[in-house]
Amino acid sequence: MARKRYLIVTAGGTGTRMGAGIPKQFLELDGKPILRLTLERFLEATPDIQIITTLPESHVVSWRQYCLQEGFRCRQRLVKGGFTRFHSVKNALEYVPDGALVAVHDGVRPLLSAAFIRRLWQEAELVPALIPVRPSVETLKLLDRTEQGRLVSSGESLDRSRVFGAQTPQIFHSEDLKAAYTQGFDTAFTDDASVAERYGIPLSFTEGERYNLKITTPEDLSLARVLLPLTD
């Protein structure tokens, strides 16, 4: 029997790198907030999904009002974001039962396809932790920074064939991820995979999606406007 499916959308950041007057998840892309586009992709793929959205405390009311005024019928539990992404996910996991599949996804990754999401759900039934990744296409340099701020070669090299970039959604058996989040916070916890791996949960990897871009800068937003029609 398939596990019930839950989605935690991390949208609790302030978006300082974007340089906009509002957090980046609320900026518009194709006439809609980025966060709404992200949620719509998951609802298209999994109409009965249970959604938990983490938000900055100062934007919980305004997001609820937006959904009502614009007729965005998305059943979601709104949870106050924490000091870091780790703390936001930990807050959200309080509303996820054991025995489910729980996907954790960046609220500013709206370009993933419904087919991609459905494939990940199917693969995640069979493993405790599923992480989508993409191979590095750039030549990688290990550099050091001098006291004057200048970049210099470290004399070390990386084998590009072994370097992959992790994407979201990262999907877990909920009882495993909840156990992993009983650990204390560490700055090395940059995503949920790092939290799970530290706890000893074996990670499985699968091919990510090329256009599954995380929008964090104005340049990313410009690129997303070009890519959006290609991901429908």
C-alpha atoms as a PDB file:
ATOM      1  CA  MET A   1       0.000   0.000   0.000  1.00  0.00           C
ATOM      2  CA  ALA A   2       1.407   3.396  -1.001  1.00  0.00           C
ATOM      3  CA  ARG A   3       2.325   5.828   1.713  1.00  0.00           C
ATOM      4  CA  LYS A   4       0.351   9.044   2.116  1.00  0.00           C
ATOM      5  CA  ARG A   5       2.191  11.987   0.579  1.00  0.00           C
ATOM      6  CA  TYR A   6       3.145  15.183   2.355  1.00  0.00           C
ATOM      7  CA  LEU A   7       4.948  18.242   1.039  1.00  0.00           C
ATOM      8  CA  ILE A   8       6.913  20.750   3.097  1.00  0.00           C
ATOM      9  CA  VAL A   9       7.555  23.906   1.088  1.00  0.00           C
ATOM     10  CA  THR A  10      10.323  26.039   2.553  1.00  0.00           C
ATOM     11  CA  ALA A  11       9.409  29.664   1.912  1.00  0.00           C
ATOM     12  CA  GLY A  12      10.524  31.247   5.161  1.00  0.00           C
ATOM     13  CA  GLY A  13      13.467  33.243   3.824  1.00  0.00           C
ATOM     14  CA  THR A  14      13.732  37.003   3.438  1.00  0.00           C
ATOM     15  CA  GLY A  15      15.453  36.924   0.048  1.00  0.00           C
ATOM     16  CA  THR A  16      18.191  39.471   0.705  1.00  0.00           C
ATOM     17  CA  ARG A  17      20.229  38.414  -2.354  1.00  0.00           C
ATOM     18  CA  MET A  18      17.335  39.323  -4.627  1.00  0.00           C
ATOM     19  CA  GLY A  19      17.476  42.956  -3.521  1.00  0.00           C
ATOM     20  CA  ALA A  20      13.710  43.366  -3.856  1.00  0.00           C
ATOM     21  CA  GLY A  21      11.298  44.989  -1.446  1.00  0.00           C
ATOM     22  CA  ILE A  22       9.581  41.694  -0.668  1.00  0.00           C
ATOM     23  CA  PRO A  23      10.874  38.141  -0.158  1.00  0.00           C
ATOM     24  CA  LYS A  24      11.650  36.436  -3.468  1.00  0.00           C
ATOM     25  CA  GLN A  25       8.966  33.752  -3.055  1.00  0.00           C
ATOM     26  CA  PHE A  26       6.322  36.457  -3.435  1.00  0.00           C
ATOM     27  CA  LEU A  27       7.775  38.078  -6.554  1.00  0.00           C
ATOM     28  CA  GLU A  28       5.703  37.531  -9.676  1.00  0.00           C
ATOM     29  CA  LEU A  29       6.587  35.209 -12.503  1.00  0.00           C
ATOM     30  CA  ASP A  30       4.118  35.062 -15.397  1.00  0.00           C
ATOM     31  CA  GLY A  31       1.650  37.106 -13.348  1.00  0.00           C
ATOM     32  CA  LYS A  32       1.698  34.877 -10.260  1.00  0.00           C
ATOM     33  CA  PRO A  33       3.840  34.739  -7.112  1.00  0.00           C
ATOM     34  CA  ILE A  34       6.697  32.257  -7.476  1.00  0.00           C
ATOM     35  CA  LEU A  35       5.421  30.374  -4.434  1.00  0.00           C
ATOM     36  CA  ARG A  36       2.017  29.860  -6.047  1.00  0.00           C
ATOM     37  CA  LEU A  37       3.592  28.476  -9.237  1.00  0.00           C
ATOM     38  CA  THR A  38       5.611  26.034  -7.136  1.00  0.00           C
ATOM     39  CA  LEU A  39       2.547  24.808  -5.279  1.00  0.00           C
ATOM     40  CA  GLU A  40       0.572  24.479  -8.512  1.00  0.00           C
ATOM     41  CA  ARG A  41       3.179  22.107  -9.959  1.00  0.00           C
ATOM     42  CA  PHE A  42       2.793  19.766  -7.002  1.00  0.00           C
ATOM     43  CA  LEU A  43      -1.004  19.969  -7.037  1.00  0.00           C
ATOM     44  CA  GLU A  44      -0.965  19.093 -10.738  1.00  0.00           C
ATOM     45  CA  ALA A  45       1.201  16.047 -10.065  1.00  0.00           C
ATOM     46  CA  THR A  46      -0.467  14.948  -6.812  1.00  0.00           C
ATOM     47  CA  PRO A  47      -3.941  16.468  -6.333  1.00  0.00           C
ATOM     48  CA  ASP A  48      -4.488  14.864  -2.911  1.00  0.00           C
ATOM     49  CA  ILE A  49      -1.153  15.952  -1.456  1.00  0.00           C
ATOM     50  CA  GLN A  50      -0.991  17.356   2.083  1.00  0.00           C
ATOM     51  CA  ILE A  51       0.902  20.668   1.992  1.00  0.00           C
ATOM     52  CA  ILE A  52       2.728  22.446   4.806  1.00  0.00           C
ATOM     53  CA  THR A  53       4.146  25.849   3.851  1.00  0.00           C
ATOM     54  CA  THR A  54       6.724  27.614   6.008  1.00  0.00           C
ATOM     55  CA  LEU A  55       6.590  31.407   5.767  1.00  0.00           C
ATOM     56  CA  PRO A  56       8.162  34.450   7.396  1.00  0.00           C
ATOM     57  CA  GLU A  57       5.966  35.288  10.370  1.00  0.00           C
ATOM     58  CA  SER A  58       5.336  38.769   8.959  1.00  0.00           C
ATOM     59  CA  HIS A  59       3.858  37.327   5.742  1.00  0.00           C
ATOM     60  CA  VAL A  60       1.563  34.578   7.032  1.00  0.00           C
ATOM     61  CA  VAL A  61      -1.525  36.818   7.096  1.00  0.00           C
ATOM     62  CA  SER A  62      -0.822  38.470   3.744  1.00  0.00           C
ATOM     63  CA  TRP A  63      -0.290  35.102   2.027  1.00  0.00           C
ATOM     64  CA  ARG A  64      -3.552  33.779   3.452  1.00  0.00           C
ATOM     65  CA  GLN A  65      -5.330  36.914   2.216  1.00  0.00           C
ATOM     66  CA  TYR A  66      -3.776  36.565  -1.236  1.00  0.00           C
ATOM     67  CA  CYS A  67      -4.989  32.975  -1.579  1.00  0.00           C
ATOM     68  CA  LEU A  68      -8.525  33.989  -0.596  1.00  0.00           C
ATOM     69  CA  GLN A  69      -8.697  37.091  -2.773  1.00  0.00           C
ATOM     70  CA  GLU A  70      -7.228  35.407  -5.864  1.00  0.00           C
ATOM     71  CA  GLY A  71      -9.224  32.195  -5.523  1.00  0.00           C
ATOM     72  CA  PHE A  72      -6.121  30.038  -5.115  1.00  0.00           C
ATOM     73  CA  ARG A  73      -7.751  26.967  -3.621  1.00  0.00           C
ATOM     74  CA  CYS A  74      -4.813  25.196  -2.074  1.00  0.00           C
ATOM     75  CA  ARG A  75      -5.329  23.444   1.237  1.00  0.00           C
ATOM     76  CA  GLN A  76      -2.162  24.142   3.157  1.00  0.00           C
ATOM     77  CA  ARG A  77      -1.073  24.423   6.732  1.00  0.00           C
ATOM     78  CA  LEU A  78       0.901  27.632   7.227  1.00  0.00           C
ATOM     79  CA  VAL A  79       3.822  27.334   9.643  1.00  0.00           C
ATOM     80  CA  LYS A  80       6.071  30.104  10.899  1.00  0.00           C
ATOM     81  CA  GLY A  81       9.581  29.771   9.507  1.00  0.00           C
ATOM     82  CA  GLY A  82      12.479  29.335  11.896  1.00  0.00           C
ATOM     83  CA  PHE A  83      15.832  31.051  12.284  1.00  0.00           C
ATOM     84  CA  THR A  84      17.307  28.826   9.555  1.00  0.00           C
ATOM     85  CA  ARG A  85      15.970  26.417   6.956  1.00  0.00           C
ATOM     86  CA  PHE A  86      16.742  23.587   9.387  1.00  0.00           C
ATOM     87  CA  HIS A  87      14.489  25.112  12.027  1.00  0.00           C
ATOM     88  CA  SER A  88      11.709  25.788   9.504  1.00  0.00           C
ATOM     89  CA  VAL A  89      11.642  22.154   8.374  1.00  0.00           C
ATOM     90  CA  LYS A  90      11.774  20.973  11.978  1.00  0.00           C
ATOM     91  CA  ASN A  91       8.722  23.125  12.774  1.00  0.00           C
ATOM     92  CA  ALA A  92       6.845  21.723   9.776  1.00  0.00           C
ATOM     93  CA  LEU A  93       7.663  18.098  10.601  1.00  0.00           C
ATOM     94  CA  GLU A  94       5.536  18.375  13.730  1.00  0.00           C
ATOM     95  CA  TYR A  95       2.513  18.095  11.421  1.00  0.00           C
ATOM     96  CA  VAL A  96       3.720  15.055   9.454  1.00  0.00           C
ATOM     97  CA  PRO A  97       2.774  11.574  10.746  1.00  0.00           C
ATOM     98  CA  ASP A  98       4.976   8.505  10.715  1.00  0.00           C
ATOM     99  CA  GLY A  99       4.456   6.073   7.853  1.00  0.00           C
ATOM    100  CA  ALA A 100       4.171   8.751   5.161  1.00  0.00           C
ATOM    101  CA  LEU A 101       6.365  10.034   2.373  1.00  0.00           C
ATOM    102  CA  VAL A 102       7.466  13.614   2.969  1.00  0.00           C
ATOM    103  CA  ALA A 103       8.988  15.773   0.243  1.00  0.00           C
ATOM    104  CA  VAL A 104      10.871  18.931   1.191  1.00  0.00           C
ATOM    105  CA  HIS A 105      11.051  21.495  -1.606  1.00  0.00           C
ATOM    106  CA  ASP A 106      12.365  25.031  -2.010  1.00  0.00           C
ATOM    107  CA  GLY A 107       9.484  27.436  -2.524  1.00  0.00           C
ATOM    108  CA  VAL A 108      11.510  29.260  -5.179  1.00  0.00           C
ATOM    109  CA  ARG A 109      11.930  26.242  -7.473  1.00  0.00           C
ATOM    110  CA  PRO A 110       8.770  26.593  -9.623  1.00  0.00           C
ATOM    111  CA  LEU A 111      10.116  25.148 -12.894  1.00  0.00           C
ATOM    112  CA  LEU A 112       9.998  21.435 -12.166  1.00  0.00           C
ATOM    113  CA  SER A 113       7.567  19.339 -14.194  1.00  0.00           C
ATOM    114  CA  ALA A 114       4.621  17.314 -12.909  1.00  0.00           C
ATOM    115  CA  ALA A 115       6.072  14.218 -14.615  1.00  0.00           C
ATOM    116  CA  PHE A 116       9.318  14.673 -12.673  1.00  0.00           C
ATOM    117  CA  ILE A 117       7.420  14.933  -9.375  1.00  0.00           C
ATOM    118  CA  ARG A 118       5.381  11.795 -10.107  1.00  0.00           C
ATOM    119  CA  ARG A 119       8.548   9.840 -10.937  1.00  0.00           C
ATOM    120  CA  LEU A 120      10.193  10.887  -7.683  1.00  0.00           C
ATOM    121  CA  TRP A 121       7.182   9.786  -5.627  1.00  0.00           C
ATOM    122  CA  GLN A 122       7.284   6.354  -7.228  1.00  0.00           C
ATOM    123  CA  GLU A 123      11.008   5.884  -6.640  1.00  0.00           C
ATOM    124  CA  ALA A 124      10.784   7.194  -3.065  1.00  0.00           C
ATOM    125  CA  GLU A 125       8.432   4.398  -2.008  1.00  0.00           C
ATOM    126  CA  LEU A 126      11.373   1.978  -2.234  1.00  0.00           C
ATOM    127  CA  VAL A 127      14.128   3.865  -0.377  1.00  0.00           C
ATOM    128  CA  PRO A 128      14.323   5.840   2.892  1.00  0.00           C
ATOM    129  CA  ALA A 129      15.823   8.959   1.291  1.00  0.00           C
ATOM    130  CA  LEU A 130      15.747  10.010  -2.374  1.00  0.00           C
ATOM    131  CA  ILE A 131      17.814  12.948  -3.596  1.00  0.00           C
ATOM    132  CA  PRO A 132      17.638  14.313  -7.178  1.00  0.00           C
ATOM    133  CA  VAL A 133      21.016  15.441  -8.509  1.00  0.00           C
ATOM    134  CA  ARG A 134      22.508  16.918 -11.664  1.00  0.00           C
ATOM    135  CA  PRO A 135      26.101  16.403 -12.878  1.00  0.00           C
ATOM    136  CA  SER A 136      28.457  19.369 -12.898  1.00  0.00           C
ATOM    137  CA  VAL A 137      29.062  20.784 -16.371  1.00  0.00           C
ATOM    138  CA  GLU A 138      31.628  23.391 -15.362  1.00  0.00           C
ATOM    139  CA  THR A 139      35.375  22.948 -14.932  1.00  0.00           C
ATOM    140  CA  LEU A 140      35.846  23.212 -11.174  1.00  0.00           C
ATOM    141  CA  LYS A 141      38.619  25.150  -9.429  1.00  0.00           C
ATOM    142  CA  LEU A 142      39.534  25.018  -5.748  1.00  0.00           C
ATOM    143  CA  LEU A 143      40.623  28.550  -4.819  1.00  0.00           C
ATOM    144  CA  ASP A 144      41.734  30.379  -1.709  1.00  0.00           C
ATOM    145  CA  ARG A 145      41.093  34.028  -0.897  1.00  0.00           C
ATOM    146  CA  THR A 146      43.951  36.256   0.287  1.00  0.00           C
ATOM    147  CA  GLU A 147      43.624  38.837   3.052  1.00  0.00           C
ATOM    148  CA  GLN A 148      43.189  41.434   0.296  1.00  0.00           C
ATOM    149  CA  GLY A 149      40.275  39.449  -1.124  1.00  0.00           C
ATOM    150  CA  ARG A 150      42.093  38.216  -4.224  1.00  0.00           C
ATOM    151  CA  LEU A 151      41.388  34.677  -5.432  1.00  0.00           C
ATOM    152  CA  VAL A 152      44.397  32.404  -5.886  1.00  0.00           C
ATOM    153  CA  SER A 153      44.822  28.767  -6.841  1.00  0.00           C
ATOM    154  CA  SER A 154      44.928  26.282  -3.971  1.00  0.00           C
ATOM    155  CA  GLY A 155      46.996  23.841  -6.010  1.00  0.00           C
ATOM    156  CA  GLU A 156      44.264  21.214  -5.617  1.00  0.00           C
ATOM    157  CA  SER A 157      41.981  19.875  -8.325  1.00  0.00           C
ATOM    158  CA  LEU A 158      38.576  18.209  -8.451  1.00  0.00           C
ATOM    159  CA  ASP A 159      37.380  15.352 -10.612  1.00  0.00           C
ATOM    160  CA  ARG A 160      34.318  16.897 -12.245  1.00  0.00           C
ATOM    161  CA  SER A 161      32.858  13.470 -13.033  1.00  0.00           C
ATOM    162  CA  ARG A 162      32.303  12.915  -9.307  1.00  0.00           C
ATOM    163  CA  VAL A 163      30.692  16.292  -8.556  1.00  0.00           C
ATOM    164  CA  PHE A 164      26.903  16.628  -8.610  1.00  0.00           C
ATOM    165  CA  GLY A 165      24.543  19.390  -7.555  1.00  0.00           C
ATOM    166  CA  ALA A 166      21.659  18.423  -5.284  1.00  0.00           C
ATOM    167  CA  GLN A 167      18.145  19.624  -6.078  1.00  0.00           C
ATOM    168  CA  THR A 168      14.793  19.489  -4.346  1.00  0.00           C
ATOM    169  CA  PRO A 169      12.314  17.974  -3.756  1.00  0.00           C
ATOM    170  CA  GLN A 170      14.177  15.577  -1.519  1.00  0.00           C
ATOM    171  CA  ILE A 171      11.814  12.822  -0.408  1.00  0.00           C
ATOM    172  CA  PHE A 172      12.020  10.719   2.748  1.00  0.00           C
ATOM    173  CA  HIS A 173      10.147   8.123   4.723  1.00  0.00           C
ATOM    174  CA  SER A 174       8.697  10.486   7.282  1.00  0.00           C
ATOM    175  CA  GLU A 175       9.634   8.519  10.398  1.00  0.00           C
ATOM    176  CA  ASP A 176      13.285   8.562   9.284  1.00  0.00           C
ATOM    177  CA  LEU A 177      13.427  12.296   8.566  1.00  0.00           C
ATOM    178  CA  LYS A 178      11.654  13.131  11.812  1.00  0.00           C
ATOM    179  CA  ALA A 179      14.218  11.077  13.708  1.00  0.00           C
ATOM    180  CA  ALA A 180      17.071  12.833  11.881  1.00  0.00           C
ATOM    181  CA  TYR A 181      15.682  16.213  12.893  1.00  0.00           C
ATOM    182  CA  THR A 182      16.012  15.354  16.586  1.00  0.00           C
ATOM    183  CA  GLN A 183      19.698  16.215  16.149  1.00  0.00           C
ATOM    184  CA  GLY A 184      20.976  19.599  17.211  1.00  0.00           C
ATOM    185  CA  PHE A 185      21.523  22.233  14.519  1.00  0.00           C
ATOM    186  CA  ASP A 186      24.839  22.324  12.680  1.00  0.00           C
ATOM    187  CA  THR A 187      25.919  24.881  10.074  1.00  0.00           C
ATOM    188  CA  ALA A 188      26.904  21.917   7.877  1.00  0.00           C
ATOM    189  CA  PHE A 189      23.194  21.136   7.457  1.00  0.00           C
ATOM    190  CA  THR A 190      22.648  22.880   4.121  1.00  0.00           C
ATOM    191  CA  ASP A 191      19.791  20.632   2.986  1.00  0.00           C
ATOM    192  CA  ASP A 192      17.705  17.756   4.308  1.00  0.00           C
ATOM    193  CA  ALA A 193      20.015  15.173   2.763  1.00  0.00           C
ATOM    194  CA  SER A 194      22.878  16.435   4.936  1.00  0.00           C
ATOM    195  CA  VAL A 195      20.704  16.130   8.051  1.00  0.00           C
ATOM    196  CA  ALA A 196      19.627  12.596   7.126  1.00  0.00           C
ATOM    197  CA  GLU A 197      23.135  11.472   6.220  1.00  0.00           C
ATOM    198  CA  ARG A 198      24.580  12.726   9.519  1.00  0.00           C
ATOM    199  CA  TYR A 199      21.955  10.637  11.336  1.00  0.00           C
ATOM    200  CA  GLY A 200      22.973   7.537   9.390  1.00  0.00           C
ATOM    201  CA  ILE A 201      20.085   7.291   6.947  1.00  0.00           C
ATOM    202  CA  PRO A 202      21.326   5.852   3.629  1.00  0.00           C
ATOM    203  CA  LEU A 203      20.805   8.202   0.696  1.00  0.00           C
ATOM    204  CA  SER A 204      19.708   7.138  -2.766  1.00  0.00           C
ATOM    205  CA  PHE A 205      20.204   9.400  -5.758  1.00  0.00           C
ATOM    206  CA  THR A 206      18.265   9.904  -8.964  1.00  0.00           C
ATOM    207  CA  GLU A 207      18.551  12.084 -12.055  1.00  0.00           C
ATOM    208  CA  GLY A 208      17.360  15.630 -11.445  1.00  0.00           C
ATOM    209  CA  GLU A 209      15.678  17.919 -13.931  1.00  0.00           C
ATOM    210  CA  ARG A 210      17.685  20.392 -15.986  1.00  0.00           C
ATOM    211  CA  TYR A 211      15.406  23.400 -15.577  1.00  0.00           C
ATOM    212  CA  ASN A 212      14.715  22.861 -11.868  1.00  0.00           C
ATOM    213  CA  LEU A 213      16.284  26.229 -11.077  1.00  0.00           C
ATOM    214  CA  LYS A 214      16.372  27.795  -7.624  1.00  0.00           C
ATOM    215  CA  ILE A 215      15.542  31.488  -8.038  1.00  0.00           C
ATOM    216  CA  THR A 216      17.755  33.507  -5.682  1.00  0.00           C
ATOM    217  CA  THR A 217      19.064  36.469  -7.725  1.00  0.00           C
ATOM    218  CA  PRO A 218      17.635  38.945 -10.266  1.00  0.00           C
ATOM    219  CA  GLU A 219      19.520  37.037 -12.992  1.00  0.00           C
ATOM    220  CA  ASP A 220      17.812  33.812 -11.936  1.00  0.00           C
ATOM    221  CA  LEU A 221      14.427  35.513 -12.193  1.00  0.00           C
ATOM    222  CA  SER A 222      15.187  36.752 -15.712  1.00  0.00           C
ATOM    223  CA  LEU A 223      16.255  33.250 -16.735  1.00  0.00           C
ATOM    224  CA  ALA A 224      13.141  31.730 -15.192  1.00  0.00           C
ATOM    225  CA  ARG A 225      10.932  33.983 -17.336  1.00  0.00           C
ATOM    226  CA  VAL A 226      12.574  32.467 -20.414  1.00  0.00           C
ATOM    227  CA  LEU A 227      12.459  28.871 -19.149  1.00  0.00           C
ATOM    228  CA  LEU A 228       8.917  28.827 -17.769  1.00  0.00           C
ATOM    229  CA  PRO A 229       7.173  28.171 -21.132  1.00  0.00           C
ATOM    230  CA  LEU A 230       9.534  25.222 -21.697  1.00  0.00           C
ATOM    231  CA  THR A 231       8.452  23.449 -18.505  1.00  0.00           C
ATOM    232  CA  ASP A 232       4.679  23.290 -18.969  1.00  0.00           C
END
